[in-house]
C-alpha atoms as a PDB file:
ATOM      1  CA  MET A   1    -216.109 -63.424  -9.893  1.00  0.00           C
ATOM      2  CA  LYS A   2    -215.256 -59.844 -10.857  1.00  0.00           C
ATOM      3  CA  LYS A   3    -218.230 -59.678 -13.222  1.00  0.00           C
ATOM      4  CA  LEU A   4    -220.574 -60.799 -10.450  1.00  0.00           C
ATOM      5  CA  ILE A   5    -219.325 -58.011  -8.109  1.00  0.00           C
ATOM      6  CA  ILE A   6    -219.636 -55.367 -10.831  1.00  0.00           C
ATOM      7  CA  ILE A   7    -223.168 -56.482 -11.803  1.00  0.00           C
ATOM      8  CA  THR A   8    -224.234 -56.570  -8.143  1.00  0.00           C
ATOM      9  CA  GLY A   9    -222.840 -53.059  -7.619  1.00  0.00           C
ATOM     10  CA  ILE A  10    -224.662 -51.711 -10.674  1.00  0.00           C
ATOM     11  CA  LEU A  11    -227.946 -53.307  -9.569  1.00  0.00           C
ATOM     12  CA  ALA A  12    -227.549 -51.828  -6.095  1.00  0.00           C
ATOM     13  CA  LEU A  13    -226.909 -48.398  -7.629  1.00  0.00           C
ATOM     14  CA  PHE A  14    -230.054 -48.644  -9.793  1.00  0.00           C
ATOM     15  CA  ALA A  15    -232.119 -49.804  -6.797  1.00  0.00           C
ATOM     16  CA  PHE A  16    -230.857 -46.884  -4.712  1.00  0.00           C
ATOM     17  CA  ALA A  17    -231.553 -44.388  -7.508  1.00  0.00           C
ATOM     18  CA  SER A  18    -235.088 -45.680  -8.149  1.00  0.00           C
ATOM     19  CA  CYS A  19    -236.120 -45.649  -4.481  1.00  0.00           C
ATOM     20  CA  ARG A  20    -235.332 -41.979  -3.889  1.00  0.00           C
ATOM     21  CA  GLU A  21    -238.236 -39.648  -3.285  1.00  0.00           C
ATOM     22  CA  ASP A  22    -238.820 -37.270  -6.148  1.00  0.00           C
ATOM     23  CA  LYS A  23    -238.967 -33.591  -5.280  1.00  0.00           C
ATOM     24  CA  LYS A  24    -242.291 -32.040  -6.118  1.00  0.00           C
ATOM     25  CA  ILE A  25    -242.151 -28.953  -8.315  1.00  0.00           C
ATOM     26  CA  PRO A  26    -244.344 -26.164  -6.894  1.00  0.00           C
ATOM     27  CA  ASP A  27    -247.218 -24.966  -9.031  1.00  0.00           C
ATOM     28  CA  PRO A  28    -246.632 -21.628 -10.781  1.00  0.00           C
ATOM     29  CA  ALA A  29    -248.320 -18.589  -9.280  1.00  0.00           C
ATOM     30  CA  PRO A  30    -251.706 -17.780 -10.794  1.00  0.00           C
ATOM     31  CA  LYS A  31    -251.806 -14.929 -13.260  1.00  0.00           C
ATOM     32  CA  THR A  32    -253.466 -11.717 -12.141  1.00  0.00           C
ATOM     33  CA  PRO A  33    -256.338 -10.464 -14.254  1.00  0.00           C
ATOM     34  CA  PRO A  34    -255.699  -7.369 -16.397  1.00  0.00           C
ATOM     35  CA  VAL A  35    -256.621  -4.006 -14.906  1.00  0.00           C
ATOM     36  CA  ASP A  36    -259.821  -2.526 -16.329  1.00  0.00           C
ATOM     37  CA  ASN A  37    -259.101   1.100 -15.369  1.00  0.00           C
ATOM     38  CA  PRO A  38    -255.439   1.942 -15.968  1.00  0.00           C
ATOM     39  CA  THR A  39    -253.993   4.959 -14.207  1.00  0.00           C
ATOM     40  CA  PRO A  40    -254.138   8.237 -16.104  1.00  0.00           C
ATOM     41  CA  PRO A  41    -250.968   9.501 -17.778  1.00  0.00           C
ATOM     42  CA  PRO A  42    -248.853  11.811 -15.616  1.00  0.00           C
ATOM     43  CA  SER A  43    -249.460  15.502 -16.041  1.00  0.00           C
ATOM     44  CA  PRO A  44    -246.723  17.567 -17.704  1.00  0.00           C
ATOM     45  CA  LYS A  45    -244.242  19.133 -15.328  1.00  0.00           C
ATOM     46  CA  THR A  46    -244.923  22.755 -14.544  1.00  0.00           C
ATOM     47  CA  GLY A  47    -243.086  25.379 -12.600  1.00  0.00           C
ATOM     48  CA  THR A  48    -239.587  24.807 -14.012  1.00  0.00           C
ATOM     49  CA  PRO A  49    -238.434  27.516 -16.377  1.00  0.00           C
ATOM     50  CA  ALA A  50    -236.950  26.393 -19.694  1.00  0.00           C
ATOM     51  CA  ASN A  51    -233.749  28.458 -19.378  1.00  0.00           C
ATOM     52  CA  THR A  52    -232.407  27.589 -15.944  1.00  0.00           C
ATOM     53  CA  PRO A  53    -228.767  28.540 -15.428  1.00  0.00           C
ATOM     54  CA  GLU A  54    -226.519  25.559 -14.773  1.00  0.00           C
ATOM     55  CA  GLU A  55    -224.694  25.539 -11.485  1.00  0.00           C
ATOM     56  CA  ASP A  56    -220.910  25.504 -11.331  1.00  0.00           C
ATOM     57  CA  GLY A  57    -219.319  22.182 -10.417  1.00  0.00           C
ATOM     58  CA  THR A  58    -218.402  18.748 -11.710  1.00  0.00           C
ATOM     59  CA  SER A  59    -220.725  15.864 -12.480  1.00  0.00           C
ATOM     60  CA  ILE A  60    -219.425  12.319 -13.047  1.00  0.00           C
ATOM     61  CA  SER A  61    -221.673   9.523 -14.285  1.00  0.00           C
ATOM     62  CA  VAL A  62    -220.501   5.923 -14.800  1.00  0.00           C
ATOM     63  CA  LYS A  63    -222.874   3.398 -16.376  1.00  0.00           C
ATOM     64  CA  LYS A  64    -222.746   0.057 -18.151  1.00  0.00           C
ATOM     65  CA  ASP A  65    -222.382   1.736 -21.523  1.00  0.00           C
ATOM     66  CA  GLY A  66    -219.621   4.178 -20.564  1.00  0.00           C
ATOM     67  CA  ALA A  67    -218.758   7.258 -18.535  1.00  0.00           C
ATOM     68  CA  SER A  68    -219.627  10.959 -18.699  1.00  0.00           C
ATOM     69  CA  ILE A  69    -217.886  13.896 -17.024  1.00  0.00           C
ATOM     70  CA  GLU A  70    -219.308  17.421 -17.083  1.00  0.00           C
ATOM     71  CA  THR A  71    -217.516  20.419 -15.567  1.00  0.00           C
ATOM     72  CA  LYS A  72    -218.705  24.020 -15.430  1.00  0.00           C
ATOM     73  CA  ASP A  73    -216.693  26.901 -14.060  1.00  0.00           C
ATOM     74  CA  GLY A  74    -218.328  30.259 -14.611  1.00  0.00           C
ATOM     75  CA  LYS A  75    -218.910  30.574 -18.351  1.00  0.00           C
ATOM     76  CA  ASN A  76    -216.511  27.750 -19.314  1.00  0.00           C
ATOM     77  CA  LYS A  77    -218.025  24.300 -19.802  1.00  0.00           C
ATOM     78  CA  THR A  78    -216.358  20.940 -20.590  1.00  0.00           C
ATOM     79  CA  ASP A  79    -218.180  17.706 -21.487  1.00  0.00           C
ATOM     80  CA  ILE A  80    -216.402  14.369 -21.868  1.00  0.00           C
ATOM     81  CA  ASN A  81    -218.369  11.279 -22.960  1.00  0.00           C
ATOM     82  CA  VAL A  82    -216.865   7.808 -23.387  1.00  0.00           C
ATOM     83  CA  SER A  83    -218.978   4.818 -24.417  1.00  0.00           C
ATOM     84  CA  LYS A  84    -218.550   1.428 -26.070  1.00  0.00           C
ATOM     85  CA  ASN A  85    -219.192   2.804 -29.540  1.00  0.00           C
ATOM     86  CA  ASP A  86    -218.240   6.467 -29.263  1.00  0.00           C
ATOM     87  CA  ALA A  87    -215.953   8.931 -27.525  1.00  0.00           C
ATOM     88  CA  SER A  88    -216.261  12.703 -27.586  1.00  0.00           C
ATOM     89  CA  VAL A  89    -214.838  15.816 -25.920  1.00  0.00           C
ATOM     90  CA  GLU A  90    -216.619  19.169 -26.047  1.00  0.00           C
ATOM     91  CA  ILE A  91    -215.161  22.372 -24.627  1.00  0.00           C
ATOM     92  CA  LYS A  92    -217.167  25.588 -24.596  1.00  0.00           C
ATOM     93  CA  LYS A  93    -215.634  28.897 -23.587  1.00  0.00           C
ATOM     94  CA  SER A  94    -217.506  32.151 -23.468  1.00  0.00           C
ATOM     95  CA  LYS A  95    -216.302  35.080 -25.513  1.00  0.00           C
ATOM     96  CA  ASN A  96    -215.438  38.047 -23.306  1.00  0.00           C
END
């Protein structure tokens, strides 16, 4: 009797699973054709002098790879860089 109930339950489960509606997978988007005339390369930047004085202040940058802190006060400059593979501290002081 127990075997008959188990077999009937399994058959009902298979019948239920086979009668479900299958979800249709949407077609992938069509590929766009390649561009015949690519845009020209950007022109080099002009108008910024090469030796611009850095402003005083503190800059903090945190990224996936690590962190960077830069501080400038007058002629004194401090750079601190910490990353996954490297760590460095650089302190520059002007000679009076």
